[in-house]
Amino acid sequence: MTIELDRTTVQPAITLPTDLWVRTHRPESGTAVVEVGGDLDAAGAPRLAELLEARANSTLRRLVIDLTEVGFLSAAGLSVLEHGYLRACQHQILCTVRVSAGSPILRTIGLFPLRFREAIEVC
């Protein structure tokens, strides 16, 4: 017996990842806000790592990593955030990680003993 599927009505079992986007702005002197959106996974993590490293090596006094538009956070993304946070702290930069109150990534962050958890600002 052969079963034929109508491929026009079959829905994917998983939601495919969305592209990662990153933008930076400086609301005031000495402060940079890095806004991240989409899915922060292994494909996009190196891009964010490079940007956070550049900000950590700058003359900033404050760095805000805004994840309010991130829908998915992988282990690679967590690693980049942890490293970026620690590098900022090494350079005496006050670092905050901003996350939306209802975001699914808040649960992901809560599963791991990450140092940047102390810097989370829920909005």
PDB file of N, CA and C in Angstrom:
ATOM      1  N   MET A   1       0.838  -1.179   0.000  1.00  0.00           N
ATOM      2  CA  MET A   1       0.000   0.000   0.000  1.00  0.00           C
ATOM      3  C   MET A   1       0.888   1.248   0.000  1.00  0.00           C
ATOM      4  N   THR A   2       0.610   2.188  -0.850  1.00  0.00           N
ATOM      5  CA  THR A   2       1.356   3.432  -0.963  1.00  0.00           C
ATOM      6  C   THR A   2       0.455   4.595  -0.563  1.00  0.00           C
ATOM      7  N   ILE A   3       1.013   5.480   0.265  1.00  0.00           N
ATOM      8  CA  ILE A   3       0.269   6.665   0.680  1.00  0.00           C
ATOM      9  C   ILE A   3       0.863   7.863  -0.045  1.00  0.00           C
ATOM     10  N   GLU A   4       0.017   8.601  -0.712  1.00  0.00           N
ATOM     11  CA  GLU A   4       0.435   9.803  -1.421  1.00  0.00           C
ATOM     12  C   GLU A   4       0.118  11.024  -0.558  1.00  0.00           C
ATOM     13  N   LEU A   5       1.080  11.896  -0.410  1.00  0.00           N
ATOM     14  CA  LEU A   5       0.873  13.133   0.340  1.00  0.00           C
ATOM     15  C   LEU A   5       0.722  14.296  -0.619  1.00  0.00           C
ATOM     16  N   ASP A   6      -0.224  15.127  -0.326  1.00  0.00           N
ATOM     17  CA  ASP A   6      -0.382  16.355  -1.095  1.00  0.00           C
ATOM     18  C   ASP A   6       0.611  17.354  -0.522  1.00  0.00           C
ATOM     19  N   ARG A   7       1.704  17.584  -1.201  1.00  0.00           N
ATOM     20  CA  ARG A   7       2.793  18.421  -0.690  1.00  0.00           C
ATOM     21  C   ARG A   7       2.389  19.881  -0.498  1.00  0.00           C
ATOM     22  N   THR A   8       1.324  20.312  -1.080  1.00  0.00           N
ATOM     23  CA  THR A   8       0.911  21.706  -0.895  1.00  0.00           C
ATOM     24  C   THR A   8       0.291  21.939   0.472  1.00  0.00           C
ATOM     25  N   THR A   9      -0.158  20.876   1.157  1.00  0.00           N
ATOM     26  CA  THR A   9      -0.782  21.049   2.458  1.00  0.00           C
ATOM     27  C   THR A   9       0.096  20.577   3.609  1.00  0.00           C
ATOM     28  N   VAL A  10       1.238  19.990   3.317  1.00  0.00           N
ATOM     29  CA  VAL A  10       2.120  19.503   4.368  1.00  0.00           C
ATOM     30  C   VAL A  10       2.893  20.680   4.953  1.00  0.00           C
ATOM     31  N   GLN A  11       2.812  20.841   6.261  1.00  0.00           N
ATOM     32  CA  GLN A  11       3.516  21.914   6.951  1.00  0.00           C
ATOM     33  C   GLN A  11       4.829  21.378   7.513  1.00  0.00           C
ATOM     34  N   PRO A  12       5.879  22.190   7.563  1.00  0.00           N
ATOM     35  CA  PRO A  12       7.140  21.714   8.142  1.00  0.00           C
ATOM     36  C   PRO A  12       6.965  21.409   9.625  1.00  0.00           C
ATOM     37  N   ALA A  13       7.703  20.416  10.114  1.00  0.00           N
ATOM     38  CA  ALA A  13       7.619  20.010  11.514  1.00  0.00           C
ATOM     39  C   ALA A  13       8.274  21.032  12.440  1.00  0.00           C
ATOM     40  N   ILE A  14       9.200  21.792  11.903  1.00  0.00           N
ATOM     41  CA  ILE A  14       9.884  22.797  12.702  1.00  0.00           C
ATOM     42  C   ILE A  14       9.821  24.133  12.000  1.00  0.00           C
ATOM     43  N   THR A  15       9.966  25.176  12.758  1.00  0.00           N
ATOM     44  CA  THR A  15      10.056  26.502  12.174  1.00  0.00           C
ATOM     45  C   THR A  15      11.506  26.746  11.799  1.00  0.00           C
ATOM     46  N   LEU A  16      11.734  27.142  10.581  1.00  0.00           N
ATOM     47  CA  LEU A  16      13.095  27.397  10.133  1.00  0.00           C
ATOM     48  C   LEU A  16      13.616  28.683  10.745  1.00  0.00           C
ATOM     49  N   PRO A  17      14.918  28.737  11.029  1.00  0.00           N
ATOM     50  CA  PRO A  17      15.471  29.927  11.677  1.00  0.00           C
ATOM     51  C   PRO A  17      15.372  31.171  10.801  1.00  0.00           C
ATOM     52  N   THR A  18      15.253  32.289  11.466  1.00  0.00           N
ATOM     53  CA  THR A  18      15.244  33.548  10.744  1.00  0.00           C
ATOM     54  C   THR A  18      16.648  34.130  10.772  1.00  0.00           C
ATOM     55  N   ASP A  19      16.902  34.996   9.865  1.00  0.00           N
ATOM     56  CA  ASP A  19      18.229  35.615   9.795  1.00  0.00           C
ATOM     57  C   ASP A  19      18.501  36.454  11.032  1.00  0.00           C
ATOM     58  N   LEU A  20      19.764  36.485  11.394  1.00  0.00           N
ATOM     59  CA  LEU A  20      20.205  37.318  12.503  1.00  0.00           C
ATOM     60  C   LEU A  20      20.500  38.710  11.978  1.00  0.00           C
ATOM     61  N   TRP A  21      20.081  39.716  12.713  1.00  0.00           N
ATOM     62  CA  TRP A  21      20.477  41.082  12.383  1.00  0.00           C
ATOM     63  C   TRP A  21      21.041  41.732  13.640  1.00  0.00           C
ATOM     64  N   VAL A  22      21.993  42.605  13.421  1.00  0.00           N
ATOM     65  CA  VAL A  22      22.671  43.306  14.513  1.00  0.00           C
ATOM     66  C   VAL A  22      22.847  44.755  14.098  1.00  0.00           C
ATOM     67  N   ARG A  23      22.559  45.654  15.018  1.00  0.00           N
ATOM     68  CA  ARG A  23      22.828  47.072  14.760  1.00  0.00           C
ATOM     69  C   ARG A  23      23.271  47.722  16.066  1.00  0.00           C
ATOM     70  N   THR A  24      24.068  48.750  15.922  1.00  0.00           N
ATOM     71  CA  THR A  24      24.621  49.447  17.084  1.00  0.00           C
ATOM     72  C   THR A  24      24.273  50.923  17.004  1.00  0.00           C
ATOM     73  N   HIS A  25      23.966  51.484  18.153  1.00  0.00           N
ATOM     74  CA  HIS A  25      23.803  52.942  18.208  1.00  0.00           C
ATOM     75  C   HIS A  25      24.345  53.433  19.537  1.00  0.00           C
ATOM     76  N   ARG A  26      24.635  54.722  19.563  1.00  0.00           N
ATOM     77  CA  ARG A  26      25.216  55.348  20.759  1.00  0.00           C
ATOM     78  C   ARG A  26      24.268  56.435  21.247  1.00  0.00           C
ATOM     79  N   PRO A  27      23.431  56.102  22.240  1.00  0.00           N
ATOM     80  CA  PRO A  27      22.468  57.084  22.742  1.00  0.00           C
ATOM     81  C   PRO A  27      23.106  58.254  23.476  1.00  0.00           C
ATOM     82  N   GLU A  28      24.306  58.032  24.003  1.00  0.00           N
ATOM     83  CA  GLU A  28      25.041  59.107  24.675  1.00  0.00           C
ATOM     84  C   GLU A  28      26.530  58.766  24.642  1.00  0.00           C
ATOM     85  N   SER A  29      27.335  59.732  24.939  1.00  0.00           N
ATOM     86  CA  SER A  29      28.781  59.539  24.925  1.00  0.00           C
ATOM     87  C   SER A  29      29.187  58.455  25.925  1.00  0.00           C
ATOM     88  N   GLY A  30      30.021  57.540  25.489  1.00  0.00           N
ATOM     89  CA  GLY A  30      30.526  56.479  26.357  1.00  0.00           C
ATOM     90  C   GLY A  30      29.624  55.275  26.472  1.00  0.00           C
ATOM     91  N   THR A  31      28.468  55.302  25.802  1.00  0.00           N
ATOM     92  CA  THR A  31      27.503  54.201  25.868  1.00  0.00           C
ATOM     93  C   THR A  31      27.207  53.684  24.459  1.00  0.00           C
ATOM     94  N   ALA A  32      27.186  52.367  24.326  1.00  0.00           N
ATOM     95  CA  ALA A  32      26.784  51.741  23.063  1.00  0.00           C
ATOM     96  C   ALA A  32      25.699  50.718  23.356  1.00  0.00           C
ATOM     97  N   VAL A  33      24.696  50.692  22.488  1.00  0.00           N
ATOM     98  CA  VAL A  33      23.638  49.694  22.561  1.00  0.00           C
ATOM     99  C   VAL A  33      23.773  48.813  21.323  1.00  0.00           C
ATOM    100  N   VAL A  34      23.951  47.513  21.555  1.00  0.00           N
ATOM    101  CA  VAL A  34      24.026  46.542  20.467  1.00  0.00           C
ATOM    102  C   VAL A  34      22.689  45.826  20.438  1.00  0.00           C
ATOM    103  N   GLU A  35      21.889  46.098  19.416  1.00  0.00           N
ATOM    104  CA  GLU A  35      20.586  45.463  19.262  1.00  0.00           C
ATOM    105  C   GLU A  35      20.739  44.225  18.398  1.00  0.00           C
ATOM    106  N   VAL A  36      20.168  43.118  18.875  1.00  0.00           N
ATOM    107  CA  VAL A  36      20.265  41.841  18.175  1.00  0.00           C
ATOM    108  C   VAL A  36      18.852  41.336  17.944  1.00  0.00           C
ATOM    109  N   GLY A  37      18.592  40.805  16.752  1.00  0.00           N
ATOM    110  CA  GLY A  37      17.270  40.264  16.446  1.00  0.00           C
ATOM    111  C   GLY A  37      17.362  39.041  15.570  1.00  0.00           C
ATOM    112  N   GLY A  38      16.300  38.270  15.566  1.00  0.00           N
ATOM    113  CA  GLY A  38      16.276  37.026  14.785  1.00  0.00           C
ATOM    114  C   GLY A  38      16.725  35.865  15.639  1.00  0.00           C
ATOM    115  N   ASP A  39      17.412  34.926  15.015  1.00  0.00           N
ATOM    116  CA  ASP A  39      17.885  33.740  15.722  1.00  0.00           C
ATOM    117  C   ASP A  39      19.384  33.815  15.929  1.00  0.00           C
ATOM    118  N   LEU A  40      19.799  33.781  17.181  1.00  0.00           N
ATOM    119  CA  LEU A  40      21.217  33.832  17.522  1.00  0.00           C
ATOM    120  C   LEU A  40      21.705  32.393  17.665  1.00  0.00           C
ATOM    121  N   ASP A  41      22.179  31.856  16.541  1.00  0.00           N
ATOM    122  CA  ASP A  41      22.630  30.476  16.498  1.00  0.00           C
ATOM    123  C   ASP A  41      24.069  30.402  16.004  1.00  0.00           C
ATOM    124  N   ALA A  42      24.532  29.199  15.716  1.00  0.00           N
ATOM    125  CA  ALA A  42      25.926  29.000  15.299  1.00  0.00           C
ATOM    126  C   ALA A  42      26.269  29.765  14.019  1.00  0.00           C
ATOM    127  N   ALA A  43      25.301  29.970  13.167  1.00  0.00           N
ATOM    128  CA  ALA A  43      25.572  30.684  11.912  1.00  0.00           C
ATOM    129  C   ALA A  43      25.838  32.169  12.150  1.00  0.00           C
ATOM    130  N   GLY A  44      25.114  32.780  13.066  1.00  0.00           N
ATOM    131  CA  GLY A  44      25.263  34.213  13.295  1.00  0.00           C
ATOM    132  C   GLY A  44      26.151  34.591  14.460  1.00  0.00           C
ATOM    133  N   ALA A  45      26.458  33.632  15.322  1.00  0.00           N
ATOM    134  CA  ALA A  45      27.244  33.918  16.529  1.00  0.00           C
ATOM    135  C   ALA A  45      28.600  34.570  16.233  1.00  0.00           C
ATOM    136  N   PRO A  46      29.355  34.124  15.228  1.00  0.00           N
ATOM    137  CA  PRO A  46      30.654  34.766  14.977  1.00  0.00           C
ATOM    138  C   PRO A  46      30.543  36.253  14.644  1.00  0.00           C
ATOM    139  N   ARG A  47      29.472  36.623  13.963  1.00  0.00           N
ATOM    140  CA  ARG A  47      29.261  38.030  13.623  1.00  0.00           C
ATOM    141  C   ARG A  47      29.082  38.866  14.878  1.00  0.00           C
ATOM    142  N   LEU A  48      28.270  38.359  15.815  1.00  0.00           N
ATOM    143  CA  LEU A  48      28.055  39.080  17.063  1.00  0.00           C
ATOM    144  C   LEU A  48      29.323  39.080  17.908  1.00  0.00           C
ATOM    145  N   ALA A  49      30.049  37.980  17.907  1.00  0.00           N
ATOM    146  CA  ALA A  49      31.297  37.892  18.682  1.00  0.00           C
ATOM    147  C   ALA A  49      32.281  38.966  18.243  1.00  0.00           C
ATOM    148  N   GLU A  50      32.414  39.145  16.948  1.00  0.00           N
ATOM    149  CA  GLU A  50      33.327  40.162  16.400  1.00  0.00           C
ATOM    150  C   GLU A  50      32.910  41.560  16.834  1.00  0.00           C
ATOM    151  N   LEU A  51      31.627  41.832  16.784  1.00  0.00           N
ATOM    152  CA  LEU A  51      31.124  43.147  17.165  1.00  0.00           C
ATOM    153  C   LEU A  51      31.323  43.404  18.662  1.00  0.00           C
ATOM    154  N   LEU A  52      31.009  42.416  19.509  1.00  0.00           N
ATOM    155  CA  LEU A  52      31.184  42.589  20.951  1.00  0.00           C
ATOM    156  C   LEU A  52      32.657  42.739  21.328  1.00  0.00           C
ATOM    157  N   GLU A  53      33.525  42.034  20.637  1.00  0.00           N
ATOM    158  CA  GLU A  53      34.965  42.157  20.901  1.00  0.00           C
ATOM    159  C   GLU A  53      35.444  43.576  20.578  1.00  0.00           C
ATOM    160  N   ALA A  54      34.971  44.112  19.462  1.00  0.00           N
ATOM    161  CA  ALA A  54      35.351  45.480  19.085  1.00  0.00           C
ATOM    162  C   ALA A  54      34.849  46.484  20.130  1.00  0.00           C
ATOM    163  N   ARG A  55      33.623  46.288  20.628  1.00  0.00           N
ATOM    164  CA  ARG A  55      33.092  47.203  21.636  1.00  0.00           C
ATOM    165  C   ARG A  55      33.860  47.070  22.958  1.00  0.00           C
ATOM    166  N   ALA A  56      34.267  45.863  23.307  1.00  0.00           N
ATOM    167  CA  ALA A  56      35.023  45.652  24.554  1.00  0.00           C
ATOM    168  C   ALA A  56      36.396  46.306  24.489  1.00  0.00           C
ATOM    169  N   ASN A  57      36.952  46.422  23.302  1.00  0.00           N
ATOM    170  CA  ASN A  57      38.272  47.028  23.133  1.00  0.00           C
ATOM    171  C   ASN A  57      38.198  48.522  22.849  1.00  0.00           C
ATOM    172  N   SER A  58      37.045  49.116  23.037  1.00  0.00           N
ATOM    173  CA  SER A  58      36.879  50.540  22.771  1.00  0.00           C
ATOM    174  C   SER A  58      36.968  51.341  24.074  1.00  0.00           C
ATOM    175  N   THR A  59      36.622  52.590  23.996  1.00  0.00           N
ATOM    176  CA  THR A  59      36.678  53.473  25.167  1.00  0.00           C
ATOM    177  C   THR A  59      35.325  53.604  25.858  1.00  0.00           C
ATOM    178  N   LEU A  60      34.449  52.657  25.648  1.00  0.00           N
ATOM    179  CA  LEU A  60      33.121  52.714  26.255  1.00  0.00           C
ATOM    180  C   LEU A  60      33.185  52.648  27.781  1.00  0.00           C
ATOM    181  N   ARG A  61      32.162  53.211  28.392  1.00  0.00           N
ATOM    182  CA  ARG A  61      31.976  53.056  29.831  1.00  0.00           C
ATOM    183  C   ARG A  61      30.791  52.137  30.115  1.00  0.00           C
ATOM    184  N   ARG A  62      29.869  52.060  29.145  1.00  0.00           N
ATOM    185  CA  ARG A  62      28.666  51.236  29.309  1.00  0.00           C
ATOM    186  C   ARG A  62      28.311  50.565  27.989  1.00  0.00           C
ATOM    187  N   LEU A  63      27.953  49.272  28.076  1.00  0.00           N
ATOM    188  CA  LEU A  63      27.530  48.490  26.917  1.00  0.00           C
ATOM    189  C   LEU A  63      26.218  47.804  27.249  1.00  0.00           C
ATOM    190  N   VAL A  64      25.225  47.986  26.396  1.00  0.00           N
ATOM    191  CA  VAL A  64      23.940  47.316  26.544  1.00  0.00           C
ATOM    192  C   VAL A  64      23.794  46.348  25.370  1.00  0.00           C
ATOM    193  N   ILE A  65      23.599  45.074  25.687  1.00  0.00           N
ATOM    194  CA  ILE A  65      23.336  44.065  24.655  1.00  0.00           C
ATOM    195  C   ILE A  65      21.840  43.806  24.705  1.00  0.00           C
ATOM    196  N   ASP A  66      21.130  44.299  23.701  1.00  0.00           N
ATOM    197  CA  ASP A  66      19.671  44.253  23.674  1.00  0.00           C
ATOM    198  C   ASP A  66      19.208  43.021  22.880  1.00  0.00           C
ATOM    199  N   LEU A  67      18.644  42.049  23.592  1.00  0.00           N
ATOM    200  CA  LEU A  67      18.180  40.802  22.966  1.00  0.00           C
ATOM    201  C   LEU A  67      16.660  40.745  22.868  1.00  0.00           C
ATOM    202  N   THR A  68      15.989  41.877  23.001  1.00  0.00           N
ATOM    203  CA  THR A  68      14.529  41.881  23.028  1.00  0.00           C
ATOM    204  C   THR A  68      13.905  41.383  21.725  1.00  0.00           C
ATOM    205  N   GLU A  69      14.646  41.390  20.636  1.00  0.00           N
ATOM    206  CA  GLU A  69      14.114  40.926  19.352  1.00  0.00           C
ATOM    207  C   GLU A  69      14.656  39.553  18.950  1.00  0.00           C
ATOM    208  N   VAL A  70      15.361  38.869  19.866  1.00  0.00           N
ATOM    209  CA  VAL A  70      15.895  37.527  19.574  1.00  0.00           C
ATOM    210  C   VAL A  70      14.810  36.502  19.864  1.00  0.00           C
ATOM    211  N   GLY A  71      14.558  35.623  18.886  1.00  0.00           N
ATOM    212  CA  GLY A  71      13.538  34.591  19.047  1.00  0.00           C
ATOM    213  C   GLY A  71      14.093  33.246  19.454  1.00  0.00           C
ATOM    214  N   PHE A  72      15.353  33.001  19.131  1.00  0.00           N
ATOM    215  CA  PHE A  72      15.990  31.722  19.443  1.00  0.00           C
ATOM    216  C   PHE A  72      17.427  31.976  19.852  1.00  0.00           C
ATOM    217  N   LEU A  73      17.878  31.275  20.888  1.00  0.00           N
ATOM    218  CA  LEU A  73      19.234  31.428  21.388  1.00  0.00           C
ATOM    219  C   LEU A  73      19.858  30.047  21.545  1.00  0.00           C
ATOM    220  N   SER A  74      20.889  29.777  20.752  1.00  0.00           N
ATOM    221  CA  SER A  74      21.554  28.467  20.802  1.00  0.00           C
ATOM    222  C   SER A  74      22.715  28.495  21.792  1.00  0.00           C
ATOM    223  N   ALA A  75      23.333  27.338  21.974  1.00  0.00           N
ATOM    224  CA  ALA A  75      24.514  27.241  22.842  1.00  0.00           C
ATOM    225  C   ALA A  75      25.634  28.135  22.312  1.00  0.00           C
ATOM    226  N   ALA A  76      25.772  28.215  20.997  1.00  0.00           N
ATOM    227  CA  ALA A  76      26.798  29.088  20.408  1.00  0.00           C
ATOM    228  C   ALA A  76      26.496  30.549  20.742  1.00  0.00           C
ATOM    229  N   GLY A  77      25.241  30.931  20.691  1.00  0.00           N
ATOM    230  CA  GLY A  77      24.847  32.294  21.044  1.00  0.00           C
ATOM    231  C   GLY A  77      25.101  32.593  22.507  1.00  0.00           C
ATOM    232  N   LEU A  78      24.775  31.636  23.382  1.00  0.00           N
ATOM    233  CA  LEU A  78      25.058  31.808  24.813  1.00  0.00           C
ATOM    234  C   LEU A  78      26.544  32.002  25.067  1.00  0.00           C
ATOM    235  N   SER A  79      27.349  31.223  24.375  1.00  0.00           N
ATOM    236  CA  SER A  79      28.805  31.314  24.539  1.00  0.00           C
ATOM    237  C   SER A  79      29.319  32.692  24.136  1.00  0.00           C
ATOM    238  N   VAL A  80      28.819  33.207  23.031  1.00  0.00           N
ATOM    239  CA  VAL A  80      29.234  34.532  22.559  1.00  0.00           C
ATOM    240  C   VAL A  80      28.814  35.608  23.554  1.00  0.00           C
ATOM    241  N   LEU A  81      27.616  35.505  24.085  1.00  0.00           N
ATOM    242  CA  LEU A  81      27.145  36.485  25.063  1.00  0.00           C
ATOM    243  C   LEU A  81      27.984  36.446  26.326  1.00  0.00           C
ATOM    244  N   GLU A  82      28.275  35.239  26.807  1.00  0.00           N
ATOM    245  CA  GLU A  82      29.093  35.098  28.015  1.00  0.00           C
ATOM    246  C   GLU A  82      30.482  35.689  27.799  1.00  0.00           C
ATOM    247  N   HIS A  83      31.090  35.359  26.667  1.00  0.00           N
ATOM    248  CA  HIS A  83      32.434  35.859  26.379  1.00  0.00           C
ATOM    249  C   HIS A  83      32.420  37.384  26.220  1.00  0.00           C
ATOM    250  N   GLY A  84      31.433  37.910  25.500  1.00  0.00           N
ATOM    251  CA  GLY A  84      31.332  39.359  25.308  1.00  0.00           C
ATOM    252  C   GLY A  84      31.140  40.093  26.624  1.00  0.00           C
ATOM    253  N   TYR A  85      30.306  39.532  27.489  1.00  0.00           N
ATOM    254  CA  TYR A  85      30.081  40.130  28.803  1.00  0.00           C
ATOM    255  C   TYR A  85      31.375  40.139  29.624  1.00  0.00           C
ATOM    256  N   LEU A  86      32.066  39.004  29.659  1.00  0.00           N
ATOM    257  CA  LEU A  86      33.306  38.911  30.441  1.00  0.00           C
ATOM    258  C   LEU A  86      34.392  39.830  29.898  1.00  0.00           C
ATOM    259  N   ARG A  87      34.499  39.957  28.573  1.00  0.00           N
ATOM    260  CA  ARG A  87      35.494  40.860  27.974  1.00  0.00           C
ATOM    261  C   ARG A  87      35.187  42.309  28.340  1.00  0.00           C
ATOM    262  N   ALA A  88      33.918  42.675  28.312  1.00  0.00           N
ATOM    263  CA  ALA A  88      33.538  44.041  28.698  1.00  0.00           C
ATOM    264  C   ALA A  88      33.915  44.294  30.156  1.00  0.00           C
ATOM    265  N   CYS A  89      33.623  43.341  31.021  1.00  0.00           N
ATOM    266  CA  CYS A  89      33.953  43.479  32.445  1.00  0.00           C
ATOM    267  C   CYS A  89      35.466  43.598  32.658  1.00  0.00           C
ATOM    268  N   GLN A  90      36.241  42.838  31.892  1.00  0.00           N
ATOM    269  CA  GLN A  90      37.703  42.924  31.988  1.00  0.00           C
ATOM    270  C   GLN A  90      38.207  44.320  31.667  1.00  0.00           C
ATOM    271  N   HIS A  91      37.497  45.017  30.780  1.00  0.00           N
ATOM    272  CA  HIS A  91      37.888  46.366  30.379  1.00  0.00           C
ATOM    273  C   HIS A  91      37.153  47.438  31.184  1.00  0.00           C
ATOM    274  N   GLN A  92      36.580  47.040  32.335  1.00  0.00           N
ATOM    275  CA  GLN A  92      35.891  47.976  33.229  1.00  0.00           C
ATOM    276  C   GLN A  92      34.695  48.649  32.559  1.00  0.00           C
ATOM    277  N   ILE A  93      34.034  47.951  31.659  1.00  0.00           N
ATOM    278  CA  ILE A  93      32.835  48.469  30.995  1.00  0.00           C
ATOM    279  C   ILE A  93      31.616  47.861  31.692  1.00  0.00           C
ATOM    280  N   LEU A  94      30.712  48.697  32.147  1.00  0.00           N
ATOM    281  CA  LEU A  94      29.467  48.231  32.749  1.00  0.00           C
ATOM    282  C   LEU A  94      28.620  47.621  31.635  1.00  0.00           C
ATOM    283  N   CYS A  95      28.285  46.349  31.761  1.00  0.00           N
ATOM    284  CA  CYS A  95      27.567  45.641  30.703  1.00  0.00           C
ATOM    285  C   CYS A  95      26.215  45.155  31.214  1.00  0.00           C
ATOM    286  N   THR A  96      25.180  45.398  30.419  1.00  0.00           N
ATOM    287  CA  THR A  96      23.823  44.963  30.721  1.00  0.00           C
ATOM    288  C   THR A  96      23.306  44.152  29.545  1.00  0.00           C
ATOM    289  N   VAL A  97      22.567  43.080  29.852  1.00  0.00           N
ATOM    290  CA  VAL A  97      21.931  42.263  28.817  1.00  0.00           C
ATOM    291  C   VAL A  97      20.431  42.438  28.975  1.00  0.00           C
ATOM    292  N   ARG A  98      19.799  43.020  27.959  1.00  0.00           N
ATOM    293  CA  ARG A  98      18.372  43.341  28.014  1.00  0.00           C
ATOM    294  C   ARG A  98      17.567  42.241  27.317  1.00  0.00           C
ATOM    295  N   VAL A  99      16.538  41.719  28.027  1.00  0.00           N
ATOM    296  CA  VAL A  99      15.701  40.641  27.502  1.00  0.00           C
ATOM    297  C   VAL A  99      14.240  40.973  27.777  1.00  0.00           C
ATOM    298  N   SER A 100      13.357  40.635  26.858  1.00  0.00           N
ATOM    299  CA  SER A 100      11.918  40.849  27.061  1.00  0.00           C
ATOM    300  C   SER A 100      11.381  39.892  28.114  1.00  0.00           C
ATOM    301  N   ALA A 101      10.416  40.358  28.896  1.00  0.00           N
ATOM    302  CA  ALA A 101       9.850  39.561  29.992  1.00  0.00           C
ATOM    303  C   ALA A 101       9.269  38.231  29.511  1.00  0.00           C
ATOM    304  N   GLY A 102       8.585  38.201  28.408  1.00  0.00           N
ATOM    305  CA  GLY A 102       7.949  36.974  27.935  1.00  0.00           C
ATOM    306  C   GLY A 102       8.771  36.177  26.944  1.00  0.00           C
ATOM    307  N   SER A 103      10.012  36.526  26.779  1.00  0.00           N
ATOM    308  CA  SER A 103      10.845  35.895  25.763  1.00  0.00           C
ATOM    309  C   SER A 103      11.217  34.455  26.127  1.00  0.00           C
ATOM    310  N   PRO A 104      11.151  33.542  25.143  1.00  0.00           N
ATOM    311  CA  PRO A 104      11.560  32.160  25.402  1.00  0.00           C
ATOM    312  C   PRO A 104      13.060  32.030  25.698  1.00  0.00           C
ATOM    313  N   ILE A 105      13.846  33.016  25.305  1.00  0.00           N
ATOM    314  CA  ILE A 105      15.289  32.915  25.569  1.00  0.00           C
ATOM    315  C   ILE A 105      15.605  33.115  27.043  1.00  0.00           C
ATOM    316  N   LEU A 106      14.680  33.717  27.781  1.00  0.00           N
ATOM    317  CA  LEU A 106      14.883  33.891  29.222  1.00  0.00           C
ATOM    318  C   LEU A 106      14.972  32.529  29.913  1.00  0.00           C
ATOM    319  N   ARG A 107      14.153  31.596  29.468  1.00  0.00           N
ATOM    320  CA  ARG A 107      14.199  30.234  30.024  1.00  0.00           C
ATOM    321  C   ARG A 107      15.519  29.558  29.661  1.00  0.00           C
ATOM    322  N   THR A 108      15.951  29.730  28.424  1.00  0.00           N
ATOM    323  CA  THR A 108      17.218  29.140  27.971  1.00  0.00           C
ATOM    324  C   THR A 108      18.371  29.662  28.824  1.00  0.00           C
ATOM    325  N   ILE A 109      18.405  30.952  29.050  1.00  0.00           N
ATOM    326  CA  ILE A 109      19.464  31.556  29.859  1.00  0.00           C
ATOM    327  C   ILE A 109      19.437  31.002  31.278  1.00  0.00           C
ATOM    328  N   GLY A 110      18.228  30.798  31.804  1.00  0.00           N
ATOM    329  CA  GLY A 110      18.077  30.304  33.162  1.00  0.00           C
ATOM    330  C   GLY A 110      18.556  28.873  33.370  1.00  0.00           C
ATOM    331  N   LEU A 111      18.747  28.127  32.300  1.00  0.00           N
ATOM    332  CA  LEU A 111      19.168  26.729  32.408  1.00  0.00           C
ATOM    333  C   LEU A 111      20.662  26.555  32.666  1.00  0.00           C
ATOM    334  N   PHE A 112      21.432  27.611  32.463  1.00  0.00           N
ATOM    335  CA  PHE A 112      22.883  27.486  32.532  1.00  0.00           C
ATOM    336  C   PHE A 112      23.478  28.440  33.574  1.00  0.00           C
ATOM    337  N   PRO A 113      24.584  28.037  34.184  1.00  0.00           N
ATOM    338  CA  PRO A 113      25.246  28.907  35.180  1.00  0.00           C
ATOM    339  C   PRO A 113      26.135  29.949  34.499  1.00  0.00           C
ATOM    340  N   LEU A 114      25.504  30.930  33.901  1.00  0.00           N
ATOM    341  CA  LEU A 114      26.231  31.956  33.157  1.00  0.00           C
ATOM    342  C   LEU A 114      26.492  33.170  34.036  1.00  0.00           C
ATOM    343  N   ARG A 115      27.649  33.759  33.885  1.00  0.00           N
ATOM    344  CA  ARG A 115      27.981  34.936  34.688  1.00  0.00           C
ATOM    345  C   ARG A 115      27.178  36.162  34.275  1.00  0.00           C
ATOM    346  N   PHE A 116      26.797  36.249  33.006  1.00  0.00           N
ATOM    347  CA  PHE A 116      26.067  37.438  32.580  1.00  0.00           C
ATOM    348  C   PHE A 116      24.626  37.452  33.100  1.00  0.00           C
ATOM    349  N   ARG A 117      24.172  36.379  33.745  1.00  0.00           N
ATOM    350  CA  ARG A 117      22.822  36.375  34.327  1.00  0.00           C
ATOM    351  C   ARG A 117      22.658  37.497  35.334  1.00  0.00           C
ATOM    352  N   GLU A 118      23.736  37.851  36.028  1.00  0.00           N
ATOM    353  CA  GLU A 118      23.653  38.940  37.004  1.00  0.00           C
ATOM    354  C   GLU A 118      23.444  40.292  36.346  1.00  0.00           C
ATOM    355  N   ALA A 119      23.670  40.376  35.052  1.00  0.00           N
ATOM    356  CA  ALA A 119      23.558  41.644  34.337  1.00  0.00           C
ATOM    357  C   ALA A 119      22.276  41.739  33.515  1.00  0.00           C
ATOM    358  N   ILE A 120      21.364  40.781  33.686  1.00  0.00           N
ATOM    359  CA  ILE A 120      20.148  40.770  32.885  1.00  0.00           C
ATOM    360  C   ILE A 120      19.171  41.828  33.380  1.00  0.00           C
ATOM    361  N   GLU A 121      18.657  42.553  32.416  1.00  0.00           N
ATOM    362  CA  GLU A 121      17.638  43.583  32.660  1.00  0.00           C
ATOM    363  C   GLU A 121      16.397  43.114  31.909  1.00  0.00           C
ATOM    364  N   VAL A 122      15.355  42.712  32.639  1.00  0.00           N
ATOM    365  CA  VAL A 122      14.125  42.248  32.014  1.00  0.00           C
ATOM    366  C   VAL A 122      13.215  43.448  31.807  1.00  0.00           C
ATOM    367  N   CYS A 123      12.738  43.605  30.572  1.00  0.00           N
ATOM    368  CA  CYS A 123      11.859  44.746  30.279  1.00  0.00           C
ATOM    369  C   CYS A 123      10.600  44.307  29.568  1.00  0.00           C
TER     370      CYS A 123
END
